[in-house]
Amino acid sequence: MKINKKGFTLVELLAVIALLALLTGIAVPNIISTINNNKRQTFLVDAKRMISKAQNLLSSNKTDRDNIKTSTSNYQIVYNFSRLNSKGEFATDSDGSSYSNTSYVKITYSPTTKKYSYCICVIGSKRRIGNATSSCNYTTNDCVLSENLSGIDVVKDK
């Protein structure tokens, strides 16, 4: 009588499971790292978009342009998050939650060079740009200059 051998042996099944576990152990950390890097980049792009929005607000508002060029305003104007997000373009951060309402862009005008500089503080649910930890405060200078954004590290808090 012939015995019909169909299927896999236990050793073969264990070898396949071990190989799959090894591949998963290599792939999962790389995937998680890629996702975190993409979220960091998205957060940084949003910060740059907020600066662009502040530039547009300043250029389209003659009163703000005139006020920033006077010493009574210390040559500064601050656009808070609610003004930057007036059309809902920054509804969620890169982690899917809301940005802090204390986030802001501060624009400073230099009468000697006749140029503007932009400083930003952004706090998301898990990441931040600036020296603030829980909320931004434009009077404490906790922001980062826009020209330093490309080399800045987005801090991940949680």
N, C-alpha and C. Protein backbone atom coordinates (compact mmCIF):
# COMPACT_ATOMS: atom_id res chain seq x y z
N MET A 1 0.82 -1.16 0.00
CA MET A 1 0.00 0.00 0.00
C MET A 1 0.88 1.25 0.00
N LYS A 2 0.48 2.21 -0.81
CA LYS A 2 1.23 3.46 -0.95
C LYS A 2 0.64 4.52 -0.02
N ILE A 3 1.52 5.23 0.68
CA ILE A 3 1.06 6.33 1.53
C ILE A 3 1.23 7.62 0.72
N ASN A 4 0.14 8.37 0.60
CA ASN A 4 0.15 9.63 -0.15
C ASN A 4 0.62 10.74 0.79
N LYS A 5 1.79 11.33 0.49
CA LYS A 5 2.33 12.40 1.32
C LYS A 5 2.02 13.74 0.67
N LYS A 6 1.07 14.45 1.24
CA LYS A 6 0.76 15.79 0.78
C LYS A 6 0.96 16.75 1.94
N GLY A 7 1.39 17.98 1.62
CA GLY A 7 1.55 19.01 2.65
C GLY A 7 3.01 19.22 3.01
N PHE A 8 3.20 20.03 4.03
CA PHE A 8 4.55 20.39 4.45
C PHE A 8 4.84 19.78 5.81
N THR A 9 6.11 19.54 6.04
CA THR A 9 6.50 19.02 7.34
C THR A 9 6.57 20.17 8.33
N LEU A 10 6.59 19.84 9.59
CA LEU A 10 6.66 20.84 10.65
C LEU A 10 7.94 21.67 10.53
N VAL A 11 9.04 21.05 10.18
CA VAL A 11 10.31 21.76 10.02
C VAL A 11 10.22 22.79 8.90
N GLU A 12 9.60 22.43 7.79
CA GLU A 12 9.45 23.36 6.68
C GLU A 12 8.58 24.56 7.08
N LEU A 13 7.50 24.30 7.79
CA LEU A 13 6.62 25.38 8.25
C LEU A 13 7.34 26.30 9.23
N LEU A 14 8.10 25.74 10.14
CA LEU A 14 8.85 26.56 11.10
C LEU A 14 9.92 27.39 10.39
N ALA A 15 10.53 26.85 9.36
CA ALA A 15 11.54 27.60 8.61
C ALA A 15 10.91 28.80 7.91
N VAL A 16 9.74 28.61 7.33
CA VAL A 16 9.04 29.71 6.66
C VAL A 16 8.63 30.77 7.68
N ILE A 17 8.11 30.36 8.83
CA ILE A 17 7.70 31.31 9.87
C ILE A 17 8.91 32.10 10.38
N ALA A 18 10.04 31.43 10.57
CA ALA A 18 11.25 32.10 11.03
C ALA A 18 11.73 33.12 9.99
N LEU A 19 11.67 32.76 8.73
CA LEU A 19 12.07 33.68 7.66
C LEU A 19 11.15 34.90 7.62
N LEU A 20 9.85 34.68 7.75
CA LEU A 20 8.90 35.80 7.76
C LEU A 20 9.12 36.70 8.97
N ALA A 21 9.41 36.13 10.12
CA ALA A 21 9.68 36.92 11.32
C ALA A 21 10.94 37.77 11.14
N LEU A 22 11.95 37.20 10.51
CA LEU A 22 13.19 37.94 10.25
C LEU A 22 12.94 39.11 9.31
N LEU A 23 12.22 38.85 8.24
CA LEU A 23 11.91 39.93 7.28
C LEU A 23 11.07 41.02 7.93
N THR A 24 10.11 40.64 8.74
CA THR A 24 9.27 41.61 9.44
C THR A 24 10.11 42.44 10.40
N GLY A 25 11.02 41.80 11.10
CA GLY A 25 11.91 42.51 12.03
C GLY A 25 12.79 43.53 11.34
N ILE A 26 13.12 43.30 10.10
CA ILE A 26 13.93 44.25 9.34
C ILE A 26 13.06 45.34 8.72
N ALA A 27 11.91 44.97 8.20
CA ALA A 27 11.07 45.91 7.44
C ALA A 27 10.33 46.90 8.34
N VAL A 28 9.77 46.45 9.45
CA VAL A 28 8.91 47.31 10.28
C VAL A 28 9.66 48.54 10.80
N PRO A 29 10.86 48.43 11.37
CA PRO A 29 11.56 49.64 11.82
C PRO A 29 11.85 50.63 10.67
N ASN A 30 12.17 50.09 9.50
CA ASN A 30 12.42 50.97 8.36
C ASN A 30 11.15 51.70 7.93
N ILE A 31 10.04 51.01 7.95
CA ILE A 31 8.77 51.62 7.58
C ILE A 31 8.39 52.70 8.59
N ILE A 32 8.55 52.41 9.88
CA ILE A 32 8.23 53.38 10.92
C ILE A 32 9.13 54.61 10.80
N SER A 33 10.39 54.40 10.54
CA SER A 33 11.33 55.52 10.35
C SER A 33 10.94 56.38 9.16
N THR A 34 10.55 55.75 8.07
CA THR A 34 10.13 56.50 6.88
C THR A 34 8.87 57.31 7.16
N ILE A 35 7.93 56.72 7.86
CA ILE A 35 6.69 57.43 8.21
C ILE A 35 7.01 58.65 9.08
N ASN A 36 7.88 58.48 10.09
CA ASN A 36 8.24 59.60 10.97
C ASN A 36 8.98 60.70 10.21
N ASN A 37 9.87 60.33 9.29
CA ASN A 37 10.56 61.33 8.49
C ASN A 37 9.59 62.10 7.61
N ASN A 38 8.61 61.40 7.05
CA ASN A 38 7.61 62.07 6.22
C ASN A 38 6.75 63.03 7.05
N LYS A 39 6.39 62.63 8.25
CA LYS A 39 5.61 63.52 9.13
C LYS A 39 6.43 64.75 9.51
N ARG A 40 7.72 64.55 9.77
CA ARG A 40 8.60 65.68 10.10
C ARG A 40 8.69 66.65 8.94
N GLN A 41 8.87 66.11 7.74
CA GLN A 41 8.95 66.96 6.55
C GLN A 41 7.64 67.70 6.30
N THR A 42 6.52 67.04 6.51
CA THR A 42 5.22 67.68 6.34
C THR A 42 5.05 68.82 7.34
N PHE A 43 5.48 68.60 8.57
CA PHE A 43 5.41 69.64 9.60
C PHE A 43 6.24 70.85 9.19
N LEU A 44 7.43 70.59 8.67
CA LEU A 44 8.31 71.67 8.22
C LEU A 44 7.72 72.42 7.03
N VAL A 45 7.13 71.70 6.10
CA VAL A 45 6.48 72.33 4.94
C VAL A 45 5.31 73.21 5.41
N ASP A 46 4.54 72.73 6.38
CA ASP A 46 3.45 73.54 6.91
C ASP A 46 3.98 74.83 7.54
N ALA A 47 5.10 74.74 8.25
CA ALA A 47 5.69 75.94 8.84
C ALA A 47 6.09 76.94 7.75
N LYS A 48 6.67 76.44 6.68
CA LYS A 48 7.05 77.33 5.57
C LYS A 48 5.81 77.92 4.90
N ARG A 49 4.75 77.13 4.81
CA ARG A 49 3.49 77.64 4.24
C ARG A 49 2.88 78.73 5.13
N MET A 50 3.03 78.58 6.45
CA MET A 50 2.54 79.60 7.37
C MET A 50 3.31 80.91 7.17
N ILE A 51 4.61 80.80 6.95
CA ILE A 51 5.41 82.01 6.68
C ILE A 51 4.95 82.64 5.37
N SER A 52 4.72 81.85 4.35
CA SER A 52 4.22 82.37 3.07
C SER A 52 2.87 83.06 3.25
N LYS A 53 2.02 82.45 4.07
CA LYS A 53 0.71 83.06 4.33
C LYS A 53 0.88 84.41 5.03
N ALA A 54 1.81 84.49 5.98
CA ALA A 54 2.07 85.76 6.67
C ALA A 54 2.59 86.81 5.68
N GLN A 55 3.48 86.38 4.76
CA GLN A 55 3.97 87.30 3.73
C GLN A 55 2.82 87.82 2.88
N ASN A 56 1.91 86.93 2.50
CA ASN A 56 0.76 87.33 1.69
C ASN A 56 -0.16 88.27 2.46
N LEU A 57 -0.38 87.98 3.74
CA LEU A 57 -1.21 88.86 4.56
C LEU A 57 -0.61 90.25 4.65
N LEU A 58 0.70 90.31 4.84
CA LEU A 58 1.36 91.61 4.95
C LEU A 58 1.30 92.37 3.63
N SER A 59 1.56 91.67 2.53
CA SER A 59 1.57 92.36 1.23
C SER A 59 0.18 92.81 0.79
N SER A 60 -0.86 92.13 1.28
CA SER A 60 -2.21 92.50 0.87
C SER A 60 -2.89 93.48 1.84
N ASN A 61 -2.22 93.81 2.93
CA ASN A 61 -2.82 94.69 3.92
C ASN A 61 -1.97 95.95 4.09
N LYS A 62 -2.39 97.04 3.47
CA LYS A 62 -1.63 98.30 3.48
C LYS A 62 -1.47 98.83 4.91
N THR A 63 -2.50 98.71 5.73
CA THR A 63 -2.41 99.20 7.11
C THR A 63 -1.30 98.48 7.86
N ASP A 64 -1.25 97.16 7.73
CA ASP A 64 -0.17 96.40 8.39
C ASP A 64 1.19 96.81 7.85
N ARG A 65 1.31 96.98 6.54
CA ARG A 65 2.59 97.39 5.94
C ARG A 65 3.02 98.75 6.46
N ASP A 66 2.09 99.67 6.58
CA ASP A 66 2.42 101.01 7.09
C ASP A 66 2.78 100.96 8.57
N ASN A 67 2.02 100.17 9.34
CA ASN A 67 2.27 100.08 10.79
C ASN A 67 3.61 99.45 11.12
N ILE A 68 4.00 98.44 10.37
CA ILE A 68 5.25 97.73 10.68
C ILE A 68 6.47 98.63 10.45
N LYS A 69 6.32 99.65 9.66
CA LYS A 69 7.45 100.53 9.35
C LYS A 69 7.57 101.70 10.31
N THR A 70 6.84 101.66 11.42
CA THR A 70 6.92 102.73 12.41
C THR A 70 7.56 102.22 13.69
N SER A 71 8.26 103.10 14.38
CA SER A 71 8.94 102.69 15.60
C SER A 71 7.95 102.41 16.73
N THR A 72 6.72 102.94 16.63
CA THR A 72 5.74 102.66 17.69
C THR A 72 5.35 101.19 17.72
N SER A 73 5.53 100.48 16.62
CA SER A 73 5.23 99.05 16.61
C SER A 73 6.50 98.21 16.81
N ASN A 74 7.61 98.88 17.18
CA ASN A 74 8.92 98.20 17.30
C ASN A 74 9.29 97.50 16.00
N TYR A 75 8.74 98.00 14.91
CA TYR A 75 9.00 97.44 13.58
C TYR A 75 8.61 95.97 13.49
N GLN A 76 7.57 95.59 14.23
CA GLN A 76 7.14 94.19 14.24
C GLN A 76 5.63 94.08 14.07
N ILE A 77 5.22 92.96 13.52
CA ILE A 77 3.81 92.59 13.49
C ILE A 77 3.75 91.08 13.69
N VAL A 78 2.75 90.64 14.43
CA VAL A 78 2.59 89.22 14.72
C VAL A 78 1.26 88.75 14.13
N TYR A 79 1.33 87.67 13.35
CA TYR A 79 0.12 87.03 12.86
C TYR A 79 -0.06 85.75 13.66
N ASN A 80 -1.13 85.71 14.46
CA ASN A 80 -1.37 84.52 15.27
C ASN A 80 -1.98 83.42 14.41
N PHE A 81 -2.09 82.25 15.01
CA PHE A 81 -2.53 81.07 14.25
C PHE A 81 -3.93 81.24 13.69
N SER A 82 -4.84 81.84 14.45
CA SER A 82 -6.20 81.97 13.95
C SER A 82 -6.24 82.85 12.69
N ARG A 83 -5.36 83.84 12.62
CA ARG A 83 -5.31 84.68 11.41
C ARG A 83 -4.65 83.92 10.26
N LEU A 84 -3.62 83.15 10.56
CA LEU A 84 -2.94 82.36 9.52
C LEU A 84 -3.84 81.25 8.98
N ASN A 85 -4.72 80.77 9.83
CA ASN A 85 -5.58 79.64 9.47
C ASN A 85 -7.01 80.10 9.16
N SER A 86 -7.16 81.33 8.73
CA SER A 86 -8.51 81.90 8.55
C SER A 86 -9.34 81.13 7.53
N LYS A 87 -8.69 80.46 6.58
CA LYS A 87 -9.43 79.70 5.57
C LYS A 87 -9.33 78.19 5.82
N GLY A 88 -8.81 77.80 6.96
CA GLY A 88 -8.74 76.39 7.32
C GLY A 88 -7.67 75.60 6.60
N GLU A 89 -6.68 76.29 6.04
CA GLU A 89 -5.65 75.57 5.28
C GLU A 89 -4.67 74.80 6.17
N PHE A 90 -4.69 75.07 7.47
CA PHE A 90 -3.84 74.34 8.40
C PHE A 90 -4.72 73.62 9.42
N ALA A 91 -5.70 72.87 8.93
CA ALA A 91 -6.70 72.24 9.79
C ALA A 91 -6.07 71.22 10.74
N THR A 92 -5.15 70.40 10.22
CA THR A 92 -4.51 69.40 11.08
C THR A 92 -3.01 69.39 10.84
N ASP A 93 -2.29 68.98 11.88
CA ASP A 93 -0.84 68.86 11.74
C ASP A 93 -0.50 67.52 11.11
N SER A 94 0.78 67.24 10.98
CA SER A 94 1.21 66.01 10.29
C SER A 94 0.86 64.74 11.06
N ASP A 95 0.47 64.89 12.33
CA ASP A 95 0.06 63.73 13.12
C ASP A 95 -1.45 63.60 13.23
N GLY A 96 -2.18 64.43 12.48
CA GLY A 96 -3.63 64.32 12.42
C GLY A 96 -4.40 65.08 13.49
N SER A 97 -3.72 65.87 14.31
CA SER A 97 -4.39 66.67 15.34
C SER A 97 -4.26 68.15 14.99
N SER A 98 -4.81 68.99 15.84
CA SER A 98 -4.79 70.43 15.58
C SER A 98 -3.47 71.06 16.01
N TYR A 99 -3.12 72.14 15.31
CA TYR A 99 -2.00 72.96 15.76
C TYR A 99 -2.44 73.77 16.97
N SER A 100 -1.49 74.17 17.80
CA SER A 100 -1.79 75.01 18.94
C SER A 100 -2.22 76.39 18.46
N ASN A 101 -3.23 76.94 19.11
CA ASN A 101 -3.68 78.29 18.76
C ASN A 101 -2.67 79.36 19.14
N THR A 102 -1.64 78.99 19.90
CA THR A 102 -0.62 79.97 20.27
C THR A 102 0.49 80.06 19.21
N SER A 103 0.44 79.22 18.19
CA SER A 103 1.44 79.29 17.11
C SER A 103 1.34 80.65 16.42
N TYR A 104 2.46 81.15 15.91
CA TYR A 104 2.45 82.47 15.28
C TYR A 104 3.63 82.64 14.31
N VAL A 105 3.52 83.68 13.50
CA VAL A 105 4.63 84.16 12.68
C VAL A 105 4.83 85.63 13.04
N LYS A 106 6.05 85.98 13.41
CA LYS A 106 6.38 87.38 13.73
C LYS A 106 7.23 87.94 12.59
N ILE A 107 6.81 89.08 12.07
CA ILE A 107 7.54 89.74 10.99
C ILE A 107 8.18 90.99 11.57
N THR A 108 9.47 91.14 11.32
CA THR A 108 10.21 92.31 11.79
C THR A 108 10.77 93.05 10.59
N TYR A 109 10.63 94.36 10.62
CA TYR A 109 11.12 95.22 9.54
C TYR A 109 12.38 95.93 10.02
N SER A 110 13.41 95.92 9.18
CA SER A 110 14.65 96.63 9.50
C SER A 110 14.68 97.93 8.70
N PRO A 111 14.59 99.08 9.38
CA PRO A 111 14.62 100.35 8.65
C PRO A 111 15.97 100.61 7.97
N THR A 112 17.04 100.04 8.49
CA THR A 112 18.36 100.28 7.88
C THR A 112 18.54 99.49 6.58
N THR A 113 18.13 98.22 6.58
CA THR A 113 18.28 97.42 5.36
C THR A 113 17.02 97.43 4.50
N LYS A 114 15.92 97.93 5.11
CA LYS A 114 14.62 97.95 4.43
C LYS A 114 14.17 96.54 4.00
N LYS A 115 14.47 95.57 4.87
CA LYS A 115 14.09 94.19 4.61
C LYS A 115 13.30 93.64 5.78
N TYR A 116 12.53 92.59 5.48
CA TYR A 116 11.73 91.92 6.50
C TYR A 116 12.41 90.62 6.90
N SER A 117 12.25 90.26 8.16
CA SER A 117 12.66 88.93 8.60
C SER A 117 11.44 88.26 9.23
N TYR A 118 11.41 86.94 9.14
CA TYR A 118 10.25 86.17 9.58
C TYR A 118 10.70 85.16 10.62
N CYS A 119 9.96 85.13 11.71
CA CYS A 119 10.27 84.25 12.82
C CYS A 119 9.00 83.45 13.13
N ILE A 120 9.14 82.14 13.34
CA ILE A 120 7.95 81.29 13.51
C ILE A 120 8.08 80.41 14.74
N CYS A 121 6.95 80.21 15.39
CA CYS A 121 6.83 79.24 16.47
C CYS A 121 5.57 78.43 16.17
N VAL A 122 5.72 77.13 16.03
CA VAL A 122 4.58 76.25 15.72
C VAL A 122 4.60 75.07 16.68
N ILE A 123 3.44 74.81 17.26
CA ILE A 123 3.31 73.64 18.13
C ILE A 123 2.17 72.77 17.60
N GLY A 124 2.50 71.53 17.32
CA GLY A 124 1.49 70.55 16.91
C GLY A 124 1.20 69.62 18.06
N SER A 125 0.51 68.54 17.77
CA SER A 125 0.15 67.61 18.84
C SER A 125 1.37 66.84 19.36
N LYS A 126 2.34 66.57 18.48
CA LYS A 126 3.51 65.79 18.89
C LYS A 126 4.83 66.43 18.49
N ARG A 127 4.79 67.51 17.70
CA ARG A 127 6.02 68.14 17.21
C ARG A 127 5.95 69.63 17.43
N ARG A 128 7.14 70.27 17.41
CA ARG A 128 7.17 71.72 17.55
C ARG A 128 8.39 72.30 16.85
N ILE A 129 8.25 73.56 16.47
CA ILE A 129 9.37 74.34 15.95
C ILE A 129 9.43 75.59 16.81
N GLY A 130 10.57 75.85 17.39
CA GLY A 130 10.73 76.98 18.29
C GLY A 130 11.15 76.48 19.66
N ASN A 131 11.40 77.43 20.55
CA ASN A 131 11.90 77.09 21.88
C ASN A 131 10.80 76.84 22.89
N ALA A 132 9.55 77.07 22.50
CA ALA A 132 8.44 76.86 23.42
C ALA A 132 8.21 75.37 23.62
N THR A 133 7.69 75.01 24.78
CA THR A 133 7.41 73.60 25.03
C THR A 133 5.92 73.28 24.95
N SER A 134 5.08 74.13 25.54
CA SER A 134 3.65 73.82 25.52
C SER A 134 2.83 74.89 24.80
N SER A 135 3.31 76.13 24.79
CA SER A 135 2.61 77.18 24.05
C SER A 135 3.61 78.24 23.62
N CYS A 136 3.33 78.86 22.48
CA CYS A 136 4.21 79.90 21.95
C CYS A 136 3.82 81.25 22.55
N ASN A 137 4.83 82.09 22.76
CA ASN A 137 4.60 83.43 23.29
C ASN A 137 5.52 84.39 22.55
N TYR A 138 4.94 85.23 21.70
CA TYR A 138 5.77 86.09 20.86
C TYR A 138 6.57 87.11 21.66
N THR A 139 6.20 87.39 22.90
CA THR A 139 6.96 88.36 23.69
C THR A 139 8.25 87.77 24.26
N THR A 140 8.35 86.44 24.29
CA THR A 140 9.56 85.81 24.85
C THR A 140 10.54 85.37 23.78
N ASN A 141 10.25 85.70 22.52
CA ASN A 141 11.16 85.37 21.42
C ASN A 141 11.47 83.89 21.35
N ASP A 142 10.46 83.06 21.40
CA ASP A 142 10.66 81.61 21.36
C ASP A 142 10.55 81.06 19.94
N CYS A 143 10.71 81.92 18.96
CA CYS A 143 10.54 81.51 17.56
C CYS A 143 11.88 81.24 16.88
N VAL A 144 11.80 80.70 15.66
CA VAL A 144 12.97 80.37 14.86
C VAL A 144 12.89 81.21 13.58
N LEU A 145 14.00 81.83 13.22
CA LEU A 145 14.02 82.63 11.99
C LEU A 145 13.82 81.75 10.77
N SER A 146 13.09 82.26 9.80
CA SER A 146 12.74 81.45 8.63
C SER A 146 13.97 80.97 7.86
N GLU A 147 15.03 81.76 7.83
CA GLU A 147 16.22 81.32 7.09
C GLU A 147 16.91 80.15 7.77
N ASN A 148 16.57 79.88 9.02
CA ASN A 148 17.15 78.74 9.73
C ASN A 148 16.27 77.49 9.66
N LEU A 149 15.12 77.60 9.00
CA LEU A 149 14.19 76.46 8.98
C LEU A 149 14.73 75.25 8.25
N SER A 150 15.51 75.45 7.20
CA SER A 150 15.97 74.30 6.43
C SER A 150 16.91 73.41 7.26
N GLY A 151 17.65 73.99 8.18
CA GLY A 151 18.56 73.20 8.99
C GLY A 151 18.01 72.87 10.36
N ILE A 152 16.78 73.28 10.64
CA ILE A 152 16.22 73.10 11.98
C ILE A 152 15.75 71.66 12.16
N ASP A 153 15.83 71.21 13.38
CA ASP A 153 15.31 69.89 13.69
C ASP A 153 13.93 70.09 14.31
N VAL A 154 12.94 69.43 13.73
CA VAL A 154 11.60 69.48 14.30
C VAL A 154 11.62 68.58 15.53
N VAL A 155 11.30 69.15 16.68
CA VAL A 155 11.36 68.40 17.93
C VAL A 155 10.10 67.57 18.06
N LYS A 156 10.30 66.29 18.34
CA LYS A 156 9.15 65.40 18.58
C LYS A 156 9.03 65.22 20.08
N ASP A 157 7.91 65.67 20.64
CA ASP A 157 7.74 65.66 22.09
C ASP A 157 7.23 64.35 22.63
N LYS A 158 6.25 63.77 21.95
CA LYS A 158 5.59 62.59 22.54
C LYS A 158 5.73 61.39 21.66
